[in-house]
Amino acid sequence: MKNFNNILKKVATPICQRYGFVAATLLMDWHLIVGEKFAVICQPEKILFPSHKKSNGLLYVATSSAFAPELSYLEPMIVDKVNKYFGYKAVERLVIRHKKMPAPRKNQQPVKQVCDADRVRIEQQIEGIESPELKEALRKLGLGIYTHHE
């Protein structure tokens, strides 16, 4: 999956740059940049830079009118996250555009199950660990490893 993502980024970058994106990864990694909570309520549209520059741009972000005040309030934080992502001051400020946003997709992954034998095996492996925090962390790791998709 990582290879496909890399190929997609390489193919999409020139196209997105033509339409105002510094890199296609801004659009593709938006949820990583701003976090899932904000990625659901807003999406980047384009970055416009002063002529002959690739810094201090205006990042156009689409959101529904209900969330525009919150994004306006959090503008400094979002600008900071975007600039940290790029590694330089790519964006100076946001331009918030009101737009009807699609309803968030519900995560429809199948329910994950761990069979009883694997649960017993996990408990046996962590039996001698004294630290409750470490024991719980290892239990969760084990459950993640032994998860079966139904």
N, C-alpha and C. Protein backbone atom coordinates (compact mmCIF):
# COMPACT_ATOMS: atom_id res chain seq x y z
N MET A 1 0.82 -1.20 0.00
CA MET A 1 0.00 0.00 0.00
C MET A 1 0.86 1.25 0.00
N LYS A 2 2.01 1.19 0.69
CA LYS A 2 2.89 2.35 0.72
C LYS A 2 3.43 2.64 -0.67
N ASN A 3 3.76 1.61 -1.45
CA ASN A 3 4.25 1.83 -2.81
C ASN A 3 3.21 2.53 -3.66
N PHE A 4 1.96 2.10 -3.55
CA PHE A 4 0.89 2.73 -4.31
C PHE A 4 0.75 4.19 -3.92
N ASN A 5 0.82 4.48 -2.62
CA ASN A 5 0.70 5.85 -2.13
C ASN A 5 1.83 6.71 -2.69
N ASN A 6 3.06 6.18 -2.70
CA ASN A 6 4.20 6.93 -3.24
C ASN A 6 4.04 7.20 -4.73
N ILE A 7 3.58 6.18 -5.47
CA ILE A 7 3.36 6.36 -6.91
C ILE A 7 2.29 7.40 -7.15
N LEU A 8 1.21 7.33 -6.38
CA LEU A 8 0.12 8.28 -6.53
C LEU A 8 0.60 9.71 -6.25
N LYS A 9 1.42 9.88 -5.21
CA LYS A 9 1.95 11.21 -4.90
C LYS A 9 2.81 11.74 -6.04
N LYS A 10 3.65 10.87 -6.63
CA LYS A 10 4.52 11.30 -7.72
C LYS A 10 3.72 11.71 -8.95
N VAL A 11 2.66 10.97 -9.23
CA VAL A 11 1.84 11.27 -10.39
C VAL A 11 0.98 12.51 -10.14
N ALA A 12 0.44 12.63 -8.96
CA ALA A 12 -0.50 13.71 -8.66
C ALA A 12 0.18 15.05 -8.39
N THR A 13 1.44 15.05 -7.96
CA THR A 13 2.10 16.30 -7.59
C THR A 13 2.12 17.31 -8.72
N PRO A 14 2.58 16.96 -9.94
CA PRO A 14 2.59 17.97 -11.01
C PRO A 14 1.21 18.51 -11.33
N ILE A 15 0.22 17.63 -11.29
CA ILE A 15 -1.15 18.06 -11.58
C ILE A 15 -1.63 19.04 -10.52
N CYS A 16 -1.41 18.69 -9.25
CA CYS A 16 -1.85 19.56 -8.17
C CYS A 16 -1.08 20.88 -8.13
N GLN A 17 0.20 20.84 -8.49
CA GLN A 17 0.97 22.08 -8.49
C GLN A 17 0.42 23.05 -9.52
N ARG A 18 -0.06 22.51 -10.63
CA ARG A 18 -0.63 23.36 -11.67
C ARG A 18 -1.86 24.10 -11.14
N TYR A 19 -2.57 23.47 -10.19
CA TYR A 19 -3.78 24.08 -9.65
C TYR A 19 -3.56 24.75 -8.30
N GLY A 20 -2.31 25.04 -7.94
CA GLY A 20 -2.05 25.83 -6.76
C GLY A 20 -1.56 25.06 -5.56
N PHE A 21 -1.39 23.76 -5.62
CA PHE A 21 -0.87 23.01 -4.48
C PHE A 21 0.65 22.99 -4.55
N VAL A 22 1.29 23.20 -3.42
CA VAL A 22 2.74 23.08 -3.35
C VAL A 22 3.11 21.64 -3.63
N ALA A 23 2.38 20.72 -3.08
CA ALA A 23 2.61 19.30 -3.32
C ALA A 23 1.30 18.56 -3.14
N ALA A 24 1.17 17.48 -3.86
CA ALA A 24 -0.06 16.69 -3.74
C ALA A 24 -0.23 16.14 -2.34
N THR A 25 0.87 16.04 -1.63
CA THR A 25 0.79 15.48 -0.29
C THR A 25 -0.02 16.34 0.66
N LEU A 26 -0.13 17.65 0.37
CA LEU A 26 -0.98 18.50 1.22
C LEU A 26 -2.40 17.96 1.22
N LEU A 27 -2.90 17.64 0.05
CA LEU A 27 -4.25 17.11 -0.06
C LEU A 27 -4.32 15.69 0.48
N MET A 28 -3.35 14.87 0.11
CA MET A 28 -3.40 13.46 0.50
C MET A 28 -3.11 13.26 1.98
N ASP A 29 -2.29 14.12 2.57
CA ASP A 29 -1.93 13.96 3.98
C ASP A 29 -2.64 14.96 4.89
N TRP A 30 -3.68 15.59 4.39
CA TRP A 30 -4.39 16.61 5.16
C TRP A 30 -4.81 16.09 6.54
N HIS A 31 -5.31 14.88 6.59
CA HIS A 31 -5.76 14.30 7.87
C HIS A 31 -4.58 14.12 8.83
N LEU A 32 -3.38 13.90 8.31
CA LEU A 32 -2.20 13.78 9.17
C LEU A 32 -1.72 15.15 9.63
N ILE A 33 -1.89 16.14 8.79
CA ILE A 33 -1.41 17.49 9.10
C ILE A 33 -2.27 18.14 10.18
N VAL A 34 -3.57 18.14 9.98
CA VAL A 34 -4.46 18.85 10.90
C VAL A 34 -5.16 17.93 11.89
N GLY A 35 -5.06 16.63 11.69
CA GLY A 35 -5.74 15.69 12.57
C GLY A 35 -7.09 15.29 12.01
N GLU A 36 -7.56 14.13 12.42
CA GLU A 36 -8.81 13.58 11.91
C GLU A 36 -10.01 14.49 12.19
N LYS A 37 -10.01 15.11 13.38
CA LYS A 37 -11.16 15.95 13.77
C LYS A 37 -11.38 17.08 12.78
N PHE A 38 -10.30 17.74 12.36
CA PHE A 38 -10.44 18.87 11.44
C PHE A 38 -10.50 18.43 9.99
N ALA A 39 -9.88 17.31 9.66
CA ALA A 39 -9.92 16.82 8.28
C ALA A 39 -11.34 16.48 7.86
N VAL A 40 -12.17 16.12 8.82
CA VAL A 40 -13.57 15.78 8.52
C VAL A 40 -14.38 17.04 8.22
N ILE A 41 -14.04 18.15 8.83
CA ILE A 41 -14.86 19.36 8.69
C ILE A 41 -14.32 20.36 7.69
N CYS A 42 -13.08 20.16 7.21
CA CYS A 42 -12.54 21.10 6.23
C CYS A 42 -11.56 20.39 5.30
N GLN A 43 -11.34 21.00 4.15
CA GLN A 43 -10.38 20.42 3.22
C GLN A 43 -9.66 21.53 2.47
N PRO A 44 -8.37 21.32 2.17
CA PRO A 44 -7.62 22.35 1.46
C PRO A 44 -8.07 22.41 0.01
N GLU A 45 -8.08 23.60 -0.55
CA GLU A 45 -8.44 23.75 -1.96
C GLU A 45 -7.23 24.12 -2.80
N LYS A 46 -6.49 25.13 -2.34
CA LYS A 46 -5.31 25.57 -3.08
C LYS A 46 -4.47 26.49 -2.21
N ILE A 47 -3.24 26.71 -2.65
CA ILE A 47 -2.37 27.70 -2.03
C ILE A 47 -1.99 28.69 -3.12
N LEU A 48 -2.20 29.97 -2.83
CA LEU A 48 -1.76 31.01 -3.75
C LEU A 48 -0.59 31.74 -3.11
N PHE A 49 0.50 31.88 -3.88
CA PHE A 49 1.70 32.54 -3.38
C PHE A 49 1.85 33.91 -4.03
N PRO A 50 2.55 34.82 -3.33
CA PRO A 50 2.92 36.08 -3.99
C PRO A 50 3.75 35.75 -5.23
N SER A 51 3.71 36.60 -6.22
CA SER A 51 4.37 36.28 -7.49
C SER A 51 5.85 35.93 -7.29
N HIS A 52 6.25 34.86 -7.97
CA HIS A 52 7.63 34.35 -7.99
C HIS A 52 8.13 33.92 -6.62
N LYS A 53 7.25 33.51 -5.74
CA LYS A 53 7.65 33.01 -4.42
C LYS A 53 6.97 31.68 -4.16
N LYS A 54 7.54 30.91 -3.26
CA LYS A 54 6.93 29.67 -2.80
C LYS A 54 6.81 29.69 -1.28
N SER A 55 6.57 30.86 -0.74
CA SER A 55 6.39 31.00 0.71
C SER A 55 5.38 32.11 0.97
N ASN A 56 4.94 32.17 2.24
CA ASN A 56 3.97 33.18 2.67
C ASN A 56 2.70 33.18 1.83
N GLY A 57 2.23 31.98 1.50
CA GLY A 57 1.05 31.86 0.68
C GLY A 57 -0.25 31.94 1.46
N LEU A 58 -1.33 32.00 0.71
CA LEU A 58 -2.68 31.96 1.27
C LEU A 58 -3.22 30.56 1.02
N LEU A 59 -3.58 29.87 2.10
CA LEU A 59 -4.14 28.54 1.98
C LEU A 59 -5.66 28.66 2.00
N TYR A 60 -6.28 28.28 0.89
CA TYR A 60 -7.74 28.30 0.79
C TYR A 60 -8.26 26.98 1.35
N VAL A 61 -9.14 27.08 2.33
CA VAL A 61 -9.70 25.91 3.00
C VAL A 61 -11.22 26.00 2.90
N ALA A 62 -11.83 24.92 2.44
CA ALA A 62 -13.29 24.85 2.33
C ALA A 62 -13.86 24.21 3.59
N THR A 63 -14.95 24.77 4.07
CA THR A 63 -15.66 24.21 5.22
C THR A 63 -17.11 24.67 5.17
N SER A 64 -17.95 23.99 5.92
CA SER A 64 -19.35 24.44 5.99
C SER A 64 -19.40 25.67 6.88
N SER A 65 -20.41 26.47 6.70
CA SER A 65 -20.51 27.72 7.45
C SER A 65 -20.60 27.48 8.96
N ALA A 66 -21.05 26.31 9.37
CA ALA A 66 -21.16 26.01 10.80
C ALA A 66 -19.79 25.93 11.46
N PHE A 67 -18.77 25.50 10.73
CA PHE A 67 -17.44 25.33 11.31
C PHE A 67 -16.49 26.48 11.00
N ALA A 68 -16.90 27.42 10.18
CA ALA A 68 -16.02 28.54 9.80
C ALA A 68 -15.54 29.34 11.01
N PRO A 69 -16.40 29.66 11.99
CA PRO A 69 -15.89 30.41 13.14
C PRO A 69 -14.82 29.64 13.92
N GLU A 70 -14.99 28.34 14.07
CA GLU A 70 -14.00 27.54 14.78
C GLU A 70 -12.67 27.52 14.03
N LEU A 71 -12.73 27.36 12.70
CA LEU A 71 -11.49 27.37 11.91
C LEU A 71 -10.82 28.73 11.96
N SER A 72 -11.63 29.77 11.96
CA SER A 72 -11.08 31.13 12.05
C SER A 72 -10.33 31.31 13.37
N TYR A 73 -10.91 30.82 14.43
CA TYR A 73 -10.29 30.90 15.75
C TYR A 73 -9.00 30.09 15.81
N LEU A 74 -8.99 28.94 15.14
CA LEU A 74 -7.84 28.03 15.18
C LEU A 74 -6.86 28.26 14.03
N GLU A 75 -7.04 29.32 13.29
CA GLU A 75 -6.17 29.61 12.15
C GLU A 75 -4.68 29.57 12.49
N PRO A 76 -4.23 30.23 13.57
CA PRO A 76 -2.79 30.18 13.86
C PRO A 76 -2.26 28.75 14.06
N MET A 77 -3.05 27.90 14.70
CA MET A 77 -2.63 26.53 14.93
C MET A 77 -2.56 25.75 13.61
N ILE A 78 -3.54 25.93 12.75
CA ILE A 78 -3.56 25.21 11.47
C ILE A 78 -2.42 25.67 10.58
N VAL A 79 -2.19 26.98 10.52
CA VAL A 79 -1.08 27.52 9.73
C VAL A 79 0.25 26.96 10.25
N ASP A 80 0.40 26.91 11.55
CA ASP A 80 1.62 26.37 12.15
C ASP A 80 1.81 24.90 11.77
N LYS A 81 0.75 24.11 11.83
CA LYS A 81 0.86 22.69 11.48
C LYS A 81 1.23 22.50 10.02
N VAL A 82 0.64 23.29 9.14
CA VAL A 82 0.96 23.19 7.72
C VAL A 82 2.42 23.56 7.48
N ASN A 83 2.88 24.63 8.12
CA ASN A 83 4.27 25.06 7.94
C ASN A 83 5.25 24.05 8.51
N LYS A 84 4.91 23.43 9.62
CA LYS A 84 5.76 22.37 10.16
C LYS A 84 5.81 21.19 9.20
N TYR A 85 4.70 20.89 8.58
CA TYR A 85 4.65 19.79 7.62
C TYR A 85 5.60 20.05 6.45
N PHE A 86 5.57 21.28 5.93
CA PHE A 86 6.43 21.61 4.79
C PHE A 86 7.87 21.90 5.22
N GLY A 87 8.08 22.29 6.46
CA GLY A 87 9.43 22.57 6.93
C GLY A 87 9.87 23.99 6.70
N TYR A 88 8.97 24.84 6.27
CA TYR A 88 9.27 26.27 6.10
C TYR A 88 7.94 27.03 6.11
N LYS A 89 8.01 28.35 6.08
CA LYS A 89 6.78 29.15 6.16
C LYS A 89 6.09 29.21 4.80
N ALA A 90 5.49 28.10 4.43
CA ALA A 90 4.78 28.02 3.15
C ALA A 90 3.51 28.85 3.18
N VAL A 91 2.83 28.86 4.33
CA VAL A 91 1.53 29.52 4.45
C VAL A 91 1.61 30.64 5.47
N GLU A 92 1.07 31.79 5.09
CA GLU A 92 1.01 32.92 6.02
C GLU A 92 -0.34 32.98 6.74
N ARG A 93 -1.40 32.69 5.98
CA ARG A 93 -2.73 32.71 6.60
C ARG A 93 -3.71 31.87 5.80
N LEU A 94 -4.87 31.64 6.41
CA LEU A 94 -5.94 30.87 5.78
C LEU A 94 -6.95 31.81 5.14
N VAL A 95 -7.56 31.33 4.08
CA VAL A 95 -8.74 31.96 3.51
C VAL A 95 -9.83 30.90 3.61
N ILE A 96 -10.81 31.16 4.46
CA ILE A 96 -11.86 30.17 4.72
C ILE A 96 -13.02 30.40 3.77
N ARG A 97 -13.32 29.37 2.99
CA ARG A 97 -14.40 29.47 2.01
C ARG A 97 -15.56 28.58 2.46
N HIS A 98 -16.74 29.14 2.42
CA HIS A 98 -17.93 28.40 2.82
C HIS A 98 -18.36 27.50 1.66
N LYS A 99 -18.55 26.23 2.00
CA LYS A 99 -18.89 25.26 0.98
C LYS A 99 -19.65 24.12 1.66
N LYS A 100 -20.58 23.55 0.94
CA LYS A 100 -21.28 22.40 1.50
C LYS A 100 -20.31 21.22 1.49
N MET A 101 -20.07 20.68 2.66
CA MET A 101 -19.11 19.58 2.80
C MET A 101 -19.87 18.26 2.76
N PRO A 102 -19.24 17.24 2.17
CA PRO A 102 -19.89 15.92 2.16
C PRO A 102 -19.98 15.37 3.58
N ALA A 103 -20.99 14.59 3.82
CA ALA A 103 -21.13 13.96 5.14
C ALA A 103 -19.96 13.03 5.37
N PRO A 104 -19.44 13.01 6.60
CA PRO A 104 -18.31 12.12 6.88
C PRO A 104 -18.68 10.67 6.62
N ARG A 105 -17.74 9.94 6.01
CA ARG A 105 -17.96 8.52 5.76
C ARG A 105 -17.81 7.76 7.06
N LYS A 106 -18.71 6.85 7.27
CA LYS A 106 -18.61 6.01 8.46
C LYS A 106 -17.64 4.89 8.17
N ASN A 107 -16.81 4.62 9.15
CA ASN A 107 -15.83 3.57 9.01
C ASN A 107 -16.55 2.22 9.05
N GLN A 108 -16.60 1.56 7.93
CA GLN A 108 -17.36 0.32 7.84
C GLN A 108 -16.43 -0.89 7.78
N GLN A 109 -15.43 -0.90 8.63
CA GLN A 109 -14.53 -2.03 8.68
C GLN A 109 -15.22 -3.18 9.40
N PRO A 110 -14.88 -4.40 9.00
CA PRO A 110 -15.49 -5.55 9.68
C PRO A 110 -15.06 -5.60 11.14
N VAL A 111 -15.92 -6.19 11.95
CA VAL A 111 -15.62 -6.34 13.37
C VAL A 111 -14.44 -7.28 13.52
N LYS A 112 -13.48 -6.88 14.32
CA LYS A 112 -12.29 -7.71 14.52
C LYS A 112 -12.50 -8.60 15.74
N GLN A 113 -12.06 -9.84 15.61
CA GLN A 113 -12.23 -10.80 16.68
C GLN A 113 -10.89 -11.46 17.01
N VAL A 114 -10.71 -11.80 18.28
CA VAL A 114 -9.56 -12.58 18.73
C VAL A 114 -10.14 -13.86 19.34
N CYS A 115 -9.67 -15.00 18.83
CA CYS A 115 -10.22 -16.26 19.33
C CYS A 115 -9.74 -16.51 20.77
N ASP A 116 -10.47 -17.35 21.48
CA ASP A 116 -10.18 -17.64 22.89
C ASP A 116 -8.78 -18.22 23.09
N ALA A 117 -8.35 -19.08 22.18
CA ALA A 117 -7.02 -19.69 22.30
C ALA A 117 -5.93 -18.62 22.25
N ASP A 118 -6.10 -17.63 21.37
CA ASP A 118 -5.11 -16.56 21.28
C ASP A 118 -5.15 -15.67 22.52
N ARG A 119 -6.33 -15.42 23.06
CA ARG A 119 -6.43 -14.63 24.30
C ARG A 119 -5.68 -15.33 25.44
N VAL A 120 -5.85 -16.64 25.55
CA VAL A 120 -5.16 -17.42 26.59
C VAL A 120 -3.65 -17.33 26.36
N ARG A 121 -3.22 -17.45 25.11
CA ARG A 121 -1.79 -17.39 24.77
C ARG A 121 -1.21 -16.02 25.17
N ILE A 122 -1.93 -14.95 24.91
CA ILE A 122 -1.48 -13.60 25.27
C ILE A 122 -1.33 -13.49 26.79
N GLU A 123 -2.36 -13.94 27.51
CA GLU A 123 -2.32 -13.84 28.97
C GLU A 123 -1.17 -14.67 29.55
N GLN A 124 -0.87 -15.82 28.98
CA GLN A 124 0.24 -16.64 29.45
C GLN A 124 1.57 -15.93 29.22
N GLN A 125 1.70 -15.23 28.10
CA GLN A 125 2.96 -14.57 27.77
C GLN A 125 3.21 -13.34 28.65
N ILE A 126 2.17 -12.69 29.14
CA ILE A 126 2.37 -11.48 29.95
C ILE A 126 2.19 -11.76 31.45
N GLU A 127 2.01 -13.01 31.79
CA GLU A 127 1.70 -13.42 33.16
C GLU A 127 2.70 -12.89 34.20
N GLY A 128 3.99 -12.95 33.95
CA GLY A 128 5.00 -12.60 34.95
C GLY A 128 5.35 -11.12 35.00
N ILE A 129 4.71 -10.28 34.22
CA ILE A 129 5.03 -8.86 34.17
C ILE A 129 4.36 -8.15 35.34
N GLU A 130 5.16 -7.41 36.12
CA GLU A 130 4.66 -6.78 37.33
C GLU A 130 4.00 -5.42 37.08
N SER A 131 4.52 -4.65 36.15
CA SER A 131 3.98 -3.31 35.89
C SER A 131 2.61 -3.41 35.22
N PRO A 132 1.55 -2.86 35.87
CA PRO A 132 0.22 -2.93 35.26
C PRO A 132 0.13 -2.19 33.92
N GLU A 133 0.85 -1.06 33.81
CA GLU A 133 0.81 -0.28 32.56
C GLU A 133 1.45 -1.06 31.42
N LEU A 134 2.63 -1.64 31.70
CA LEU A 134 3.32 -2.42 30.68
C LEU A 134 2.50 -3.65 30.31
N LYS A 135 1.92 -4.28 31.31
CA LYS A 135 1.12 -5.49 31.07
C LYS A 135 -0.07 -5.16 30.15
N GLU A 136 -0.74 -4.05 30.42
CA GLU A 136 -1.89 -3.66 29.60
C GLU A 136 -1.46 -3.29 28.19
N ALA A 137 -0.33 -2.60 28.06
CA ALA A 137 0.17 -2.23 26.74
C ALA A 137 0.51 -3.48 25.92
N LEU A 138 1.16 -4.45 26.57
CA LEU A 138 1.49 -5.69 25.87
C LEU A 138 0.24 -6.50 25.54
N ARG A 139 -0.76 -6.45 26.39
CA ARG A 139 -2.03 -7.13 26.12
C ARG A 139 -2.66 -6.54 24.85
N LYS A 140 -2.69 -5.21 24.78
CA LYS A 140 -3.27 -4.56 23.60
C LYS A 140 -2.48 -4.88 22.34
N LEU A 141 -1.15 -4.90 22.48
CA LEU A 141 -0.31 -5.26 21.34
C LEU A 141 -0.62 -6.69 20.89
N GLY A 142 -0.71 -7.60 21.82
CA GLY A 142 -1.03 -8.98 21.50
C GLY A 142 -2.38 -9.12 20.83
N LEU A 143 -3.37 -8.40 21.34
CA LEU A 143 -4.71 -8.45 20.74
C LEU A 143 -4.67 -7.92 19.31
N GLY A 144 -3.85 -6.87 19.10
CA GLY A 144 -3.71 -6.33 17.74
C GLY A 144 -3.06 -7.32 16.79
N ILE A 145 -2.09 -8.06 17.30
CA ILE A 145 -1.38 -9.04 16.47
C ILE A 145 -2.29 -10.23 16.14
N TYR A 146 -3.05 -10.69 17.11
CA TYR A 146 -3.86 -11.89 16.92
C TYR A 146 -5.27 -11.62 16.42
N THR A 147 -5.55 -10.41 15.97
CA THR A 147 -6.89 -10.07 15.50
C THR A 147 -7.20 -10.79 14.19
N HIS A 148 -8.39 -11.33 14.12
CA HIS A 148 -8.87 -12.02 12.93
C HIS A 148 -10.04 -11.22 12.36
N HIS A 149 -10.09 -11.05 11.06
CA HIS A 149 -11.22 -10.34 10.43
C HIS A 149 -12.32 -11.33 10.11
N GLU A 150 -13.51 -10.96 10.49
CA GLU A 150 -14.67 -11.84 10.22
C GLU A 150 -15.26 -11.50 8.88
